[in-house]
Amino acid sequence: MDIREIHKKTLEYLYSHYLDDSILFMPRRRNTNGRLENGYYFIGTEDYLQVSFWDSRDWKERIHSIAFVILKDGTSFIEFSGRDNDEKADVLRYLVNHLSHQLGITFTELYNNKWKADYETDMYLQNLESFMLNEKLIIDEFLRTEGSNIIPFIEARKFEKAMNRIFEIDSSIEDEIKKKKLEGSITIRKSEYTMTLHHNNIQNQIFDLLINSNDYKSVKMEHNFVDIVTIDNNDLIRYYELKPTTAKKAIREAFGQLMEYSHYPGKNRADQLVVVSYAVPTADDINYLIQLREVYKIPLFYCYFNMNKRILSELY
């Protein structure tokens, strides 16, 4: 696989996310030895590239402190590196332990104060999306409250300056990305068909998980338009609606459907309404759900499906 093609597809995917959700990432800032003209849009070598969403580098290793790394064979991994600074290393060590506890990720310490966690597949854009919906949210939440003075977020002006440098070198790139986005041809987020396949894959895995549990009398899939319906051993009826996106967006998209499935017209069919995605909820997401339950007395909950461990989280 040509590493420059990986650079291009990764840039297209991330810039599409920026246009949709204002998510900032760090492209290559310097055009040393004409690397940008040659299509190397992120830091790295002929064998790998690094993507980061934070403005911190390990100057000893000359890499990002927190990075999503893609190798030229399409495999990818998460990498933390704090070999240049003990205080930074302490923050990264906490994140390694926190992510391991929250998501069941297995990190390997490569050297002192440097860790990595591998993804199992070579579908690097799918892995990047998973990273953005899961690990990134947890990292962001921690840094926002505890460590942004040590590992800061990217400033908009720095992002814009780096992207403008790329667009100045090749003015066709921005137009091409926007054109592909309008056509729906950006990989991963490219079509309703692709998203439906992704939805169905998660739905089937969750159904298999629940139907093999001893906690339920009944588990049905696509019952009266509901993705999954369960009746537990205490006769509690639960409706699950799946949305493969962030927790906030999943709640927004599924809420109306669940209310209609349970109550239209003038019925009370379910005891609990559960939104499901594969994104770990933030503290704001959890507080929002608690407020909806307290203010409006709506039994709305959220849980996420860990695709690596094949487990469903607790209800939030």
Protein backbone atom coordinates (compact mmCIF):
# COMPACT_ATOMS: atom_id res chain seq x y z
CA MET A 1 0.00 0.00 0.00
CA ASP A 2 1.34 3.45 -0.94
CA ILE A 3 1.81 5.50 2.23
CA ARG A 4 0.93 8.66 0.28
CA GLU A 5 -2.48 7.21 -0.55
CA ILE A 6 -3.01 6.63 3.17
CA HIS A 7 -2.01 10.26 3.82
CA LYS A 8 -4.54 11.45 1.24
CA LYS A 9 -7.45 9.31 2.45
CA THR A 10 -6.74 10.21 6.08
CA LEU A 11 -6.64 13.92 5.26
CA GLU A 12 -9.91 13.66 3.32
CA TYR A 13 -11.59 11.83 6.17
CA LEU A 14 -10.38 14.17 8.91
CA TYR A 15 -11.08 17.36 6.97
CA SER A 16 -14.60 16.07 6.32
CA HIS A 17 -15.00 15.66 10.09
CA TYR A 18 -13.70 19.20 10.54
CA LEU A 19 -16.30 20.56 8.10
CA ASP A 20 -19.08 18.60 9.86
CA ASP A 21 -18.11 18.82 13.51
CA SER A 22 -15.23 21.36 13.77
CA ILE A 23 -12.87 18.65 15.03
CA LEU A 24 -9.33 19.98 14.87
CA PHE A 25 -6.38 17.75 14.01
CA MET A 26 -2.68 18.41 13.46
CA PRO A 27 -1.36 18.14 9.89
CA ARG A 28 2.33 18.47 9.06
CA ARG A 29 3.34 22.05 9.91
CA ARG A 30 6.61 22.31 8.03
CA ASN A 31 7.34 21.54 4.41
CA THR A 32 10.82 20.17 5.09
CA ASN A 33 12.42 18.70 1.95
CA GLY A 34 9.19 19.30 0.02
CA ARG A 35 7.28 16.67 1.99
CA LEU A 36 3.93 18.42 1.51
CA GLU A 37 4.38 18.67 -2.27
CA ASN A 38 4.99 14.93 -2.29
CA GLY A 39 1.75 14.18 -0.43
CA TYR A 40 3.08 13.56 3.09
CA TYR A 41 0.41 15.55 4.93
CA PHE A 42 1.18 14.23 8.43
CA ILE A 43 4.42 13.67 10.29
CA GLY A 44 6.05 10.30 9.80
CA THR A 45 8.37 8.40 7.46
CA GLU A 46 8.02 6.20 4.40
CA ASP A 47 6.66 3.50 6.72
CA TYR A 48 4.09 5.27 8.91
CA LEU A 49 2.17 8.46 9.64
CA GLN A 50 0.92 9.98 12.89
CA VAL A 51 -2.41 11.74 13.48
CA SER A 52 -2.94 13.81 16.60
CA PHE A 53 -5.76 15.95 17.98
CA TRP A 54 -3.60 17.64 20.62
CA ASP A 55 -0.73 20.13 20.44
CA SER A 56 2.04 18.28 22.24
CA ARG A 57 5.19 16.57 20.98
CA ASP A 58 7.75 14.33 22.57
CA TRP A 59 10.83 16.24 21.47
CA LYS A 60 13.11 13.40 22.48
CA GLU A 61 11.33 10.93 20.17
CA ARG A 62 10.31 13.65 17.67
CA ILE A 63 6.72 12.39 17.55
CA HIS A 64 3.32 13.45 18.91
CA SER A 65 2.77 12.83 22.62
CA ILE A 66 -0.63 11.25 21.84
CA ALA A 67 -1.07 9.82 18.38
CA PHE A 68 -3.09 7.51 16.21
CA VAL A 69 -0.45 5.79 14.08
CA ILE A 70 -1.03 4.16 10.69
CA LEU A 71 1.56 1.88 9.11
CA LYS A 72 1.99 1.48 5.36
CA ASP A 73 0.36 -1.97 5.48
CA GLY A 74 -2.84 -0.35 6.82
CA THR A 75 -2.50 -1.58 10.41
CA SER A 76 -2.81 1.02 13.15
CA PHE A 77 -2.27 1.62 16.84
CA ILE A 78 -2.57 4.21 19.60
CA GLU A 79 0.75 5.58 20.86
CA PHE A 80 1.55 7.64 23.98
CA SER A 81 5.04 9.06 24.37
CA GLY A 82 6.30 11.17 27.27
CA ARG A 83 10.01 10.37 27.29
CA ASP A 84 10.95 14.05 27.20
CA ASN A 85 9.05 15.16 30.30
CA ASP A 86 8.25 13.39 33.58
CA GLU A 87 5.13 15.46 34.29
CA LYS A 88 3.74 14.66 30.84
CA ALA A 89 4.65 10.99 31.36
CA ASP A 90 2.58 10.95 34.57
CA VAL A 91 -0.47 12.26 32.66
CA LEU A 92 0.00 9.66 29.92
CA ARG A 93 0.47 6.86 32.44
CA TYR A 94 -2.83 7.82 34.07
CA LEU A 95 -4.54 7.81 30.65
CA VAL A 96 -3.11 4.37 29.86
CA ASN A 97 -4.58 2.99 33.09
CA HIS A 98 -7.85 4.90 32.67
CA LEU A 99 -8.42 3.71 29.09
CA SER A 100 -7.50 0.16 30.06
CA HIS A 101 -10.10 0.25 32.84
CA GLN A 102 -12.81 2.01 30.84
CA LEU A 103 -12.49 0.22 27.51
CA GLY A 104 -10.49 -2.90 28.29
CA ILE A 105 -7.64 -1.81 26.02
CA THR A 106 -4.32 -3.63 26.38
CA PHE A 107 -1.34 -1.27 26.29
CA THR A 108 2.26 -2.41 25.92
CA GLU A 109 5.06 -0.31 27.38
CA LEU A 110 7.65 -0.16 24.60
CA TYR A 111 10.20 1.83 26.57
CA ASN A 112 10.13 3.83 29.75
CA ASN A 113 7.25 6.33 29.41
CA LYS A 114 6.19 5.15 25.94
CA TRP A 115 3.14 2.92 25.32
CA LYS A 116 1.13 1.51 22.41
CA ALA A 117 -2.15 -0.36 21.90
CA ASP A 118 -2.73 -2.22 18.63
CA TYR A 119 -5.92 -2.50 16.60
CA GLU A 120 -6.69 -5.98 15.32
CA THR A 121 -7.62 -5.10 11.72
CA ASP A 122 -5.95 -3.23 8.85
CA MET A 123 -9.06 -1.09 8.28
CA TYR A 124 -7.29 2.06 9.39
CA LEU A 125 -10.08 4.55 8.71
CA GLN A 126 -12.60 2.43 10.60
CA ASN A 127 -10.11 2.18 13.45
CA LEU A 128 -9.57 5.95 13.33
CA GLU A 129 -13.31 6.52 13.55
CA SER A 130 -13.49 4.17 16.52
CA PHE A 131 -10.63 6.07 18.17
CA MET A 132 -12.41 9.40 17.64
CA LEU A 133 -15.69 8.08 19.08
CA ASN A 134 -14.16 6.33 22.07
CA GLU A 135 -10.59 6.92 23.23
CA LYS A 136 -10.47 10.52 22.02
CA LEU A 137 -13.58 11.48 23.99
CA ILE A 138 -12.16 10.03 27.21
CA ILE A 139 -8.78 11.70 26.61
CA ASP A 140 -10.45 15.04 25.85
CA GLU A 141 -12.59 14.91 28.97
CA PHE A 142 -9.60 14.19 31.21
CA LEU A 143 -7.35 16.82 29.64
CA ARG A 144 -10.11 19.40 29.76
CA THR A 145 -10.41 19.03 33.53
CA GLU A 146 -6.94 17.93 34.60
CA GLY A 147 -4.16 18.18 32.05
CA SER A 148 -4.67 20.73 29.28
CA ASN A 149 -1.81 22.84 30.64
CA ILE A 150 0.51 19.86 30.09
CA ILE A 151 -0.98 18.47 26.86
CA PRO A 152 -2.92 21.37 25.31
CA PHE A 153 -5.63 21.22 22.68
CA ILE A 154 -4.93 22.45 19.15
CA GLU A 155 -5.64 26.14 18.62
CA ALA A 156 -7.84 26.97 15.63
CA ARG A 157 -5.30 29.42 14.23
CA LYS A 158 -2.57 26.77 14.18
CA PHE A 159 -4.85 24.27 12.47
CA GLU A 160 -5.95 26.81 9.88
CA LYS A 161 -2.38 27.89 9.20
CA ALA A 162 -1.27 24.30 8.63
CA MET A 163 -4.23 23.50 6.38
CA ASN A 164 -3.81 26.73 4.39
CA ARG A 165 -0.19 25.76 3.74
CA ILE A 166 -1.39 22.46 2.26
CA PHE A 167 -4.05 24.20 0.16
CA GLU A 168 -1.54 26.80 -1.08
CA ILE A 169 0.76 24.02 -2.31
CA ASP A 170 -2.10 22.18 -4.03
CA SER A 171 -5.23 24.29 -4.38
CA SER A 172 -7.19 21.38 -5.82
CA ILE A 173 -7.15 19.40 -2.53
CA GLU A 174 -9.75 21.49 -0.69
CA ASP A 175 -12.11 21.55 -3.68
CA GLU A 176 -11.66 17.80 -4.18
CA ILE A 177 -12.47 17.03 -0.54
CA LYS A 178 -15.57 19.23 -0.58
CA LYS A 179 -16.68 17.70 -3.90
CA LYS A 180 -16.25 14.15 -2.57
CA LYS A 181 -18.10 15.10 0.59
CA LEU A 182 -21.05 16.43 -1.39
CA GLU A 183 -21.04 13.30 -3.52
CA GLY A 184 -20.95 11.15 -0.39
CA SER A 185 -17.74 9.39 -1.43
CA ILE A 186 -15.53 10.07 1.60
CA THR A 187 -14.63 6.65 2.99
CA ILE A 188 -16.41 5.49 6.19
CA ARG A 189 -19.05 8.22 6.16
CA LYS A 190 -19.72 7.70 2.49
CA SER A 191 -23.24 6.36 2.16
CA GLU A 192 -26.43 5.29 3.80
CA TYR A 193 -25.71 1.78 2.51
CA THR A 194 -22.38 1.63 4.35
CA MET A 195 -23.89 3.01 7.55
CA THR A 196 -26.72 0.48 7.33
CA LEU A 197 -24.21 -2.36 7.08
CA HIS A 198 -22.38 -0.97 10.12
CA HIS A 199 -25.68 -0.65 12.05
CA ASN A 200 -26.70 -4.21 11.18
CA ASN A 201 -23.31 -5.60 12.19
CA ILE A 202 -23.57 -4.04 15.67
CA GLN A 203 -27.23 -5.04 15.96
CA ASN A 204 -26.47 -8.68 15.20
CA GLN A 205 -23.61 -8.81 17.68
CA ILE A 206 -25.70 -7.26 20.48
CA PHE A 207 -28.61 -9.58 19.71
CA ASP A 208 -26.31 -12.61 19.95
CA LEU A 209 -24.92 -11.30 23.23
CA LEU A 210 -28.35 -10.77 24.79
CA ILE A 211 -30.02 -13.93 23.53
CA ASN A 212 -27.21 -16.01 25.03
CA SER A 213 -27.63 -14.35 28.41
CA ASN A 214 -29.58 -15.99 31.22
CA ASP A 215 -31.01 -12.62 32.28
CA TYR A 216 -33.83 -12.51 29.72
CA LYS A 217 -37.04 -14.41 29.06
CA SER A 218 -37.29 -13.01 25.56
CA VAL A 219 -34.98 -11.24 23.08
CA LYS A 220 -36.36 -10.17 19.69
CA MET A 221 -34.78 -8.26 16.83
CA GLU A 222 -36.72 -5.88 14.51
CA HIS A 223 -39.90 -6.41 16.51
CA ASN A 224 -42.53 -3.80 15.53
CA PHE A 225 -39.74 -1.68 13.99
CA VAL A 226 -37.69 -1.67 17.21
CA ASP A 227 -34.06 -2.73 16.73
CA ILE A 228 -34.05 -5.02 19.78
CA VAL A 229 -36.75 -5.75 22.38
CA THR A 230 -36.00 -7.63 25.60
CA ILE A 231 -38.08 -8.90 28.50
CA ASP A 232 -35.93 -9.72 31.51
CA ASN A 233 -36.59 -12.23 34.26
CA ASN A 234 -38.47 -9.58 36.25
CA ASP A 235 -40.78 -8.86 33.28
CA LEU A 236 -39.16 -5.47 32.57
CA ILE A 237 -39.56 -4.57 28.89
CA ARG A 238 -36.68 -2.69 27.30
CA TYR A 239 -36.51 -1.14 23.82
CA TYR A 240 -33.06 -0.68 22.24
CA GLU A 241 -32.41 1.70 19.33
CA LEU A 242 -28.95 1.60 17.72
CA LYS A 243 -27.17 4.59 16.21
CA PRO A 244 -23.49 4.16 15.17
CA THR A 245 -22.34 7.69 16.01
CA THR A 246 -21.33 9.78 19.04
CA ALA A 247 -23.39 9.45 22.21
CA LYS A 248 -24.86 12.94 21.89
CA LYS A 249 -25.91 12.43 18.28
CA ALA A 250 -27.19 8.93 18.99
CA ILE A 251 -29.47 10.26 21.76
CA ARG A 252 -30.72 13.03 19.48
CA GLU A 253 -31.47 10.66 16.59
CA ALA A 254 -32.96 7.78 18.57
CA PHE A 255 -35.05 9.65 21.12
CA GLY A 256 -38.03 10.41 18.88
CA GLN A 257 -38.06 6.91 17.43
CA LEU A 258 -38.08 5.26 20.85
CA MET A 259 -40.88 7.52 22.09
CA GLU A 260 -42.99 6.70 19.03
CA TYR A 261 -42.33 2.97 19.18
CA SER A 262 -43.25 2.85 22.86
CA HIS A 263 -46.18 5.28 23.06
CA TYR A 264 -47.83 5.97 19.70
CA PRO A 265 -50.79 6.13 19.66
CA GLY A 266 -51.45 6.53 23.37
CA LYS A 267 -49.76 3.31 24.50
CA ASN A 268 -47.18 2.34 27.12
CA ARG A 269 -45.27 -0.56 25.63
CA ALA A 270 -41.77 -0.32 27.16
CA ASP A 271 -40.52 0.22 30.70
CA GLN A 272 -37.11 1.50 29.61
CA LEU A 273 -35.89 3.16 26.40
CA VAL A 274 -32.22 2.56 25.63
CA VAL A 275 -30.07 4.32 23.04
CA VAL A 276 -27.07 2.27 21.93
CA SER A 277 -23.91 3.27 20.11
CA TYR A 278 -20.24 2.32 20.30
CA ALA A 279 -19.11 5.66 21.75
CA VAL A 280 -18.30 6.08 25.44
CA PRO A 281 -20.53 8.86 26.84
CA THR A 282 -18.95 12.01 28.20
CA ALA A 283 -19.84 13.49 31.60
CA ASP A 284 -22.07 16.02 29.80
CA ASP A 285 -23.90 13.21 27.99
CA ILE A 286 -24.53 11.38 31.26
CA ASN A 287 -25.72 14.54 33.06
CA TYR A 288 -28.06 15.29 30.16
CA LEU A 289 -29.70 11.87 30.47
CA ILE A 290 -30.05 12.24 34.24
CA GLN A 291 -31.71 15.64 33.75
CA LEU A 292 -34.16 14.25 31.18
CA ARG A 293 -35.17 11.50 33.59
CA GLU A 294 -35.50 13.86 36.55
CA VAL A 295 -37.28 16.76 34.79
CA TYR A 296 -39.52 14.89 32.33
CA LYS A 297 -39.74 11.50 34.08
CA ILE A 298 -38.73 9.77 30.81
CA PRO A 299 -37.05 6.38 31.36
CA LEU A 300 -34.36 7.11 28.75
CA PHE A 301 -30.94 5.49 29.08
CA TYR A 302 -27.76 5.03 27.07
CA CYS A 303 -25.23 2.23 26.76
CA TYR A 304 -22.33 1.55 24.44
CA PHE A 305 -21.13 -1.60 22.76
CA ASN A 306 -17.41 -2.32 23.03
CA MET A 307 -16.67 -3.84 19.64
CA ASN A 308 -13.25 -5.13 20.65
CA LYS A 309 -14.41 -6.99 23.78
CA ARG A 310 -17.95 -7.72 22.49
CA ILE A 311 -19.60 -6.46 25.66
CA LEU A 312 -22.45 -4.06 26.37
CA SER A 313 -21.81 -1.40 28.99
CA GLU A 314 -23.92 -0.53 32.00
CA LEU A 315 -26.90 1.79 31.52
CA TYR A 316 -26.18 5.50 31.91
